């Protein structure tokens, strides 16, 4: 006797169902125990003689301070020697390469900020030029007396 007849003869369907039910029940119990484990840890610490820290004294770390972006003029002063060596028009890849060789921090972000500010002007075909006149702050209007 082989196949389904053999399974039916020895109650194979019932054994398979009970086996699956046992495995599923075990997994449900295990997931419940793991989800409630955080409640038992302070109890175990008290049993061992160690006192659990009260919830009132647990301090949360302060939120991180907002990161102030560096002044674009300071960053441009780091790039000025590189620009002087590259010439009036240069490929952007050469600027990246030289910035990495000079260990300038975050060259991708800084060069992107230069492009956004118009300090690096695209000339076409990946060639850029440096516009130092964009680094000069526009004159401030004097405050009118009230």
C-alpha atoms as a PDB file:
ATOM      1  CA  UNK A   1       0.000   0.000   0.000  1.00  0.00           C
ATOM      2  CA  UNK A   2       1.385   3.339  -1.117  1.00  0.00           C
ATOM      3  CA  UNK A   3       0.325   6.964  -1.499  1.00  0.00           C
ATOM      4  CA  UNK A   4      -2.911   8.373  -0.181  1.00  0.00           C
ATOM      5  CA  UNK A   5      -4.256   4.935   0.820  1.00  0.00           C
ATOM      6  CA  UNK A   6      -1.312   4.454   3.188  1.00  0.00           C
ATOM      7  CA  UNK A   7      -1.825   7.941   4.697  1.00  0.00           C
ATOM      8  CA  UNK A   8      -5.538   7.228   5.260  1.00  0.00           C
ATOM      9  CA  UNK A   9      -4.847   3.775   6.774  1.00  0.00           C
ATOM     10  CA  UNK A  10      -2.616   5.091   9.586  1.00  0.00           C
ATOM     11  CA  UNK A  11      -4.445   8.366  10.288  1.00  0.00           C
ATOM     12  CA  UNK A  12      -1.717  10.400   8.533  1.00  0.00           C
ATOM     13  CA  UNK A  13      -3.958  13.402   7.918  1.00  0.00           C
ATOM     14  CA  UNK A  14      -4.761  13.719  11.603  1.00  0.00           C
ATOM     15  CA  UNK A  15      -1.092  13.361  12.571  1.00  0.00           C
ATOM     16  CA  UNK A  16      -0.054  16.023  10.052  1.00  0.00           C
ATOM     17  CA  UNK A  17      -2.761  18.391  11.306  1.00  0.00           C
ATOM     18  CA  UNK A  18      -1.798  17.866  14.956  1.00  0.00           C
ATOM     19  CA  UNK A  19       1.890  18.352  14.115  1.00  0.00           C
ATOM     20  CA  UNK A  20       1.209  21.634  12.304  1.00  0.00           C
ATOM     21  CA  UNK A  21      -1.003  22.763  15.205  1.00  0.00           C
ATOM     22  CA  UNK A  22       1.749  21.972  17.729  1.00  0.00           C
ATOM     23  CA  UNK A  23       4.361  23.890  15.734  1.00  0.00           C
ATOM     24  CA  UNK A  24       2.067  26.877  15.204  1.00  0.00           C
ATOM     25  CA  UNK A  25       1.095  26.949  18.896  1.00  0.00           C
ATOM     26  CA  UNK A  26       4.746  26.854  19.910  1.00  0.00           C
ATOM     27  CA  UNK A  27       5.553  29.791  17.654  1.00  0.00           C
ATOM     28  CA  UNK A  28       2.610  31.796  19.017  1.00  0.00           C
ATOM     29  CA  UNK A  29       3.696  31.151  22.608  1.00  0.00           C
ATOM     30  CA  UNK A  30       7.307  32.028  21.783  1.00  0.00           C
ATOM     31  CA  UNK A  31       6.317  35.319  20.140  1.00  0.00           C
ATOM     32  CA  UNK A  32       4.123  36.212  23.131  1.00  0.00           C
ATOM     33  CA  UNK A  33       6.947  35.505  25.584  1.00  0.00           C
ATOM     34  CA  UNK A  34       9.374  37.609  23.555  1.00  0.00           C
ATOM     35  CA  UNK A  35       6.893  40.490  23.325  1.00  0.00           C
ATOM     36  CA  UNK A  36       6.417  40.508  27.125  1.00  0.00           C
ATOM     37  CA  UNK A  37      10.067  40.002  28.020  1.00  0.00           C
ATOM     38  CA  UNK A  38      10.625  43.700  28.747  1.00  0.00           C
ATOM     39  CA  UNK A  39       8.194  43.397  31.684  1.00  0.00           C
ATOM     40  CA  UNK A  40      10.093  40.509  33.274  1.00  0.00           C
ATOM     41  CA  UNK A  41      13.607  41.989  33.121  1.00  0.00           C
ATOM     42  CA  UNK A  42      13.073  44.465  36.036  1.00  0.00           C
ATOM     43  CA  UNK A  43      11.538  41.622  38.054  1.00  0.00           C
ATOM     44  CA  UNK A  44      14.599  39.448  37.459  1.00  0.00           C
ATOM     45  CA  UNK A  45      16.902  42.332  38.423  1.00  0.00           C
ATOM     46  CA  UNK A  46      15.042  42.787  41.725  1.00  0.00           C
ATOM     47  CA  UNK A  47      15.333  39.086  42.462  1.00  0.00           C
ATOM     48  CA  UNK A  48      19.105  39.241  41.958  1.00  0.00           C
ATOM     49  CA  UNK A  49      19.372  42.075  44.468  1.00  0.00           C
ATOM     50  CA  UNK A  50      19.846  44.826  41.953  1.00  0.00           C
ATOM     51  CA  UNK A  51      17.266  47.583  41.938  1.00  0.00           C
ATOM     52  CA  UNK A  52      15.774  48.583  38.658  1.00  0.00           C
ATOM     53  CA  UNK A  53      16.074  52.245  37.804  1.00  0.00           C
ATOM     54  CA  UNK A  54      12.812  54.067  38.469  1.00  0.00           C
ATOM     55  CA  UNK A  55      11.125  55.477  35.408  1.00  0.00           C
ATOM     56  CA  UNK A  56      11.327  59.044  36.770  1.00  0.00           C
ATOM     57  CA  UNK A  57      15.131  59.097  36.934  1.00  0.00           C
ATOM     58  CA  UNK A  58      15.716  57.765  33.432  1.00  0.00           C
ATOM     59  CA  UNK A  59      16.780  60.777  31.440  1.00  0.00           C
ATOM     60  CA  UNK A  60      16.346  61.055  27.739  1.00  0.00           C
ATOM     61  CA  UNK A  61      19.277  62.409  25.795  1.00  0.00           C
ATOM     62  CA  UNK A  62      18.884  65.963  24.572  1.00  0.00           C
ATOM     63  CA  UNK A  63      17.984  66.373  20.919  1.00  0.00           C
ATOM     64  CA  UNK A  64      20.952  66.938  18.647  1.00  0.00           C
ATOM     65  CA  UNK A  65      21.856  70.522  17.961  1.00  0.00           C
ATOM     66  CA  UNK A  66      20.957  71.684  14.481  1.00  0.00           C
ATOM     67  CA  UNK A  67      23.901  71.567  12.146  1.00  0.00           C
ATOM     68  CA  UNK A  68      24.791  75.017  10.917  1.00  0.00           C
ATOM     69  CA  UNK A  69      26.058  74.894   7.370  1.00  0.00           C
ATOM     70  CA  UNK A  70      29.528  76.372   6.979  1.00  0.00           C
ATOM     71  CA  UNK A  71      29.891  79.771   5.404  1.00  0.00           C
ATOM     72  CA  UNK A  72      30.240  79.463   1.658  1.00  0.00           C
ATOM     73  CA  UNK A  73      32.998  82.101   1.659  1.00  0.00           C
ATOM     74  CA  UNK A  74      35.085  79.991   4.052  1.00  0.00           C
ATOM     75  CA  UNK A  75      34.584  76.954   1.837  1.00  0.00           C
ATOM     76  CA  UNK A  76      35.513  78.965  -1.247  1.00  0.00           C
ATOM     77  CA  UNK A  77      38.754  80.041   0.404  1.00  0.00           C
ATOM     78  CA  UNK A  78      39.655  76.338   0.694  1.00  0.00           C
ATOM     79  CA  UNK A  79      38.965  75.805  -3.011  1.00  0.00           C
ATOM     80  CA  UNK A  80      40.692  78.967  -4.270  1.00  0.00           C
ATOM     81  CA  UNK A  81      44.217  77.407  -4.551  1.00  0.00           C
ATOM     82  CA  UNK A  82      42.733  74.496  -6.495  1.00  0.00           C
ATOM     83  CA  UNK A  83      40.897  76.835  -8.847  1.00  0.00           C
ATOM     84  CA  UNK A  84      44.092  78.840  -9.398  1.00  0.00           C
ATOM     85  CA  UNK A  85      45.927  75.697 -10.523  1.00  0.00           C
ATOM     86  CA  UNK A  86      43.059  74.451 -12.738  1.00  0.00           C
ATOM     87  CA  UNK A  87      42.681  77.668 -14.733  1.00  0.00           C
ATOM     88  CA  UNK A  88      39.700  79.697 -15.896  1.00  0.00           C
ATOM     89  CA  UNK A  89      37.670  76.764 -17.275  1.00  0.00           C
ATOM     90  CA  UNK A  90      37.954  73.250 -15.935  1.00  0.00           C
ATOM     91  CA  UNK A  91      36.044  69.977 -15.857  1.00  0.00           C
ATOM     92  CA  UNK A  92      34.108  69.347 -12.676  1.00  0.00           C
ATOM     93  CA  UNK A  93      35.715  65.921 -12.299  1.00  0.00           C
ATOM     94  CA  UNK A  94      39.155  67.583 -12.038  1.00  0.00           C
ATOM     95  CA  UNK A  95      37.839  69.815  -9.260  1.00  0.00           C
ATOM     96  CA  UNK A  96      36.528  66.774  -7.368  1.00  0.00           C
ATOM     97  CA  UNK A  97      39.833  64.964  -7.810  1.00  0.00           C
ATOM     98  CA  UNK A  98      41.909  67.898  -6.576  1.00  0.00           C
ATOM     99  CA  UNK A  99      39.540  68.474  -3.618  1.00  0.00           C
ATOM    100  CA  UNK A 100      39.962  64.848  -2.568  1.00  0.00           C
ATOM    101  CA  UNK A 101      43.753  65.110  -2.896  1.00  0.00           C
ATOM    102  CA  UNK A 102      43.723  68.237  -0.696  1.00  0.00           C
ATOM    103  CA  UNK A 103      41.552  66.403   1.903  1.00  0.00           C
ATOM    104  CA  UNK A 104      38.823  69.033   1.756  1.00  0.00           C
ATOM    105  CA  UNK A 105      35.863  67.759   3.786  1.00  0.00           C
ATOM    106  CA  UNK A 106      32.678  66.861   1.894  1.00  0.00           C
ATOM    107  CA  UNK A 107      33.713  68.069  -1.566  1.00  0.00           C
ATOM    108  CA  UNK A 108      30.530  66.799  -3.226  1.00  0.00           C
ATOM    109  CA  UNK A 109      28.278  68.805  -0.926  1.00  0.00           C
ATOM    110  CA  UNK A 110      30.435  71.906  -1.107  1.00  0.00           C
ATOM    111  CA  UNK A 111      30.722  71.874  -4.893  1.00  0.00           C
ATOM    112  CA  UNK A 112      26.975  71.333  -5.119  1.00  0.00           C
ATOM    113  CA  UNK A 113      26.469  74.404  -2.890  1.00  0.00           C
ATOM    114  CA  UNK A 114      28.816  76.381  -5.161  1.00  0.00           C
ATOM    115  CA  UNK A 115      26.744  75.391  -8.178  1.00  0.00           C
ATOM    116  CA  UNK A 116      23.504  76.359  -6.420  1.00  0.00           C
ATOM    117  CA  UNK A 117      24.949  79.746  -5.443  1.00  0.00           C
ATOM    118  CA  UNK A 118      26.179  80.393  -8.980  1.00  0.00           C
ATOM    119  CA  UNK A 119      29.835  80.460  -7.933  1.00  0.00           C
ATOM    120  CA  UNK A 120      30.526  77.570 -10.300  1.00  0.00           C
ATOM    121  CA  UNK A 121      28.954  78.458 -13.615  1.00  0.00           C
ATOM    122  CA  UNK A 122      28.430  75.705 -16.208  1.00  0.00           C
ATOM    123  CA  UNK A 123      30.007  76.352 -19.597  1.00  0.00           C
ATOM    124  CA  UNK A 124      28.677  73.176 -21.237  1.00  0.00           C
ATOM    125  CA  UNK A 125      30.003  69.637 -21.753  1.00  0.00           C
ATOM    126  CA  UNK A 126      31.016  69.297 -18.080  1.00  0.00           C
ATOM    127  CA  UNK A 127      33.223  72.393 -18.151  1.00  0.00           C
ATOM    128  CA  UNK A 128      32.769  74.967 -15.393  1.00  0.00           C
ATOM    129  CA  UNK A 129      34.209  78.349 -14.543  1.00  0.00           C
ATOM    130  CA  UNK A 130      34.742  80.003 -11.163  1.00  0.00           C
ATOM    131  CA  UNK A 131      32.962  83.323 -10.507  1.00  0.00           C
ATOM    132  CA  UNK A 132      34.626  84.949  -7.471  1.00  0.00           C
ATOM    133  CA  UNK A 133      32.395  88.027  -7.807  1.00  0.00           C
ATOM    134  CA  UNK A 134      29.439  85.979  -6.521  1.00  0.00           C
ATOM    135  CA  UNK A 135      31.287  85.564  -3.201  1.00  0.00           C
ATOM    136  CA  UNK A 136      31.165  89.261  -2.433  1.00  0.00           C
ATOM    137  CA  UNK A 137      28.154  90.084  -0.295  1.00  0.00           C
ATOM    138  CA  UNK A 138      25.819  92.712  -1.751  1.00  0.00           C
ATOM    139  CA  UNK A 139      25.925  96.037   0.088  1.00  0.00           C
ATOM    140  CA  UNK A 140      23.480  96.316   2.950  1.00  0.00           C
ATOM    141  CA  UNK A 141      20.957  99.136   2.930  1.00  0.00           C
ATOM    142  CA  UNK A 142      21.246 101.319   6.021  1.00  0.00           C
ATOM    143  CA  UNK A 143      18.292 101.031   8.327  1.00  0.00           C
ATOM    144  CA  UNK A 144      15.898 103.897   7.946  1.00  0.00           C
ATOM    145  CA  UNK A 145      15.138 105.766  11.173  1.00  0.00           C
ATOM    146  CA  UNK A 146      11.630 105.214  12.413  1.00  0.00           C
END
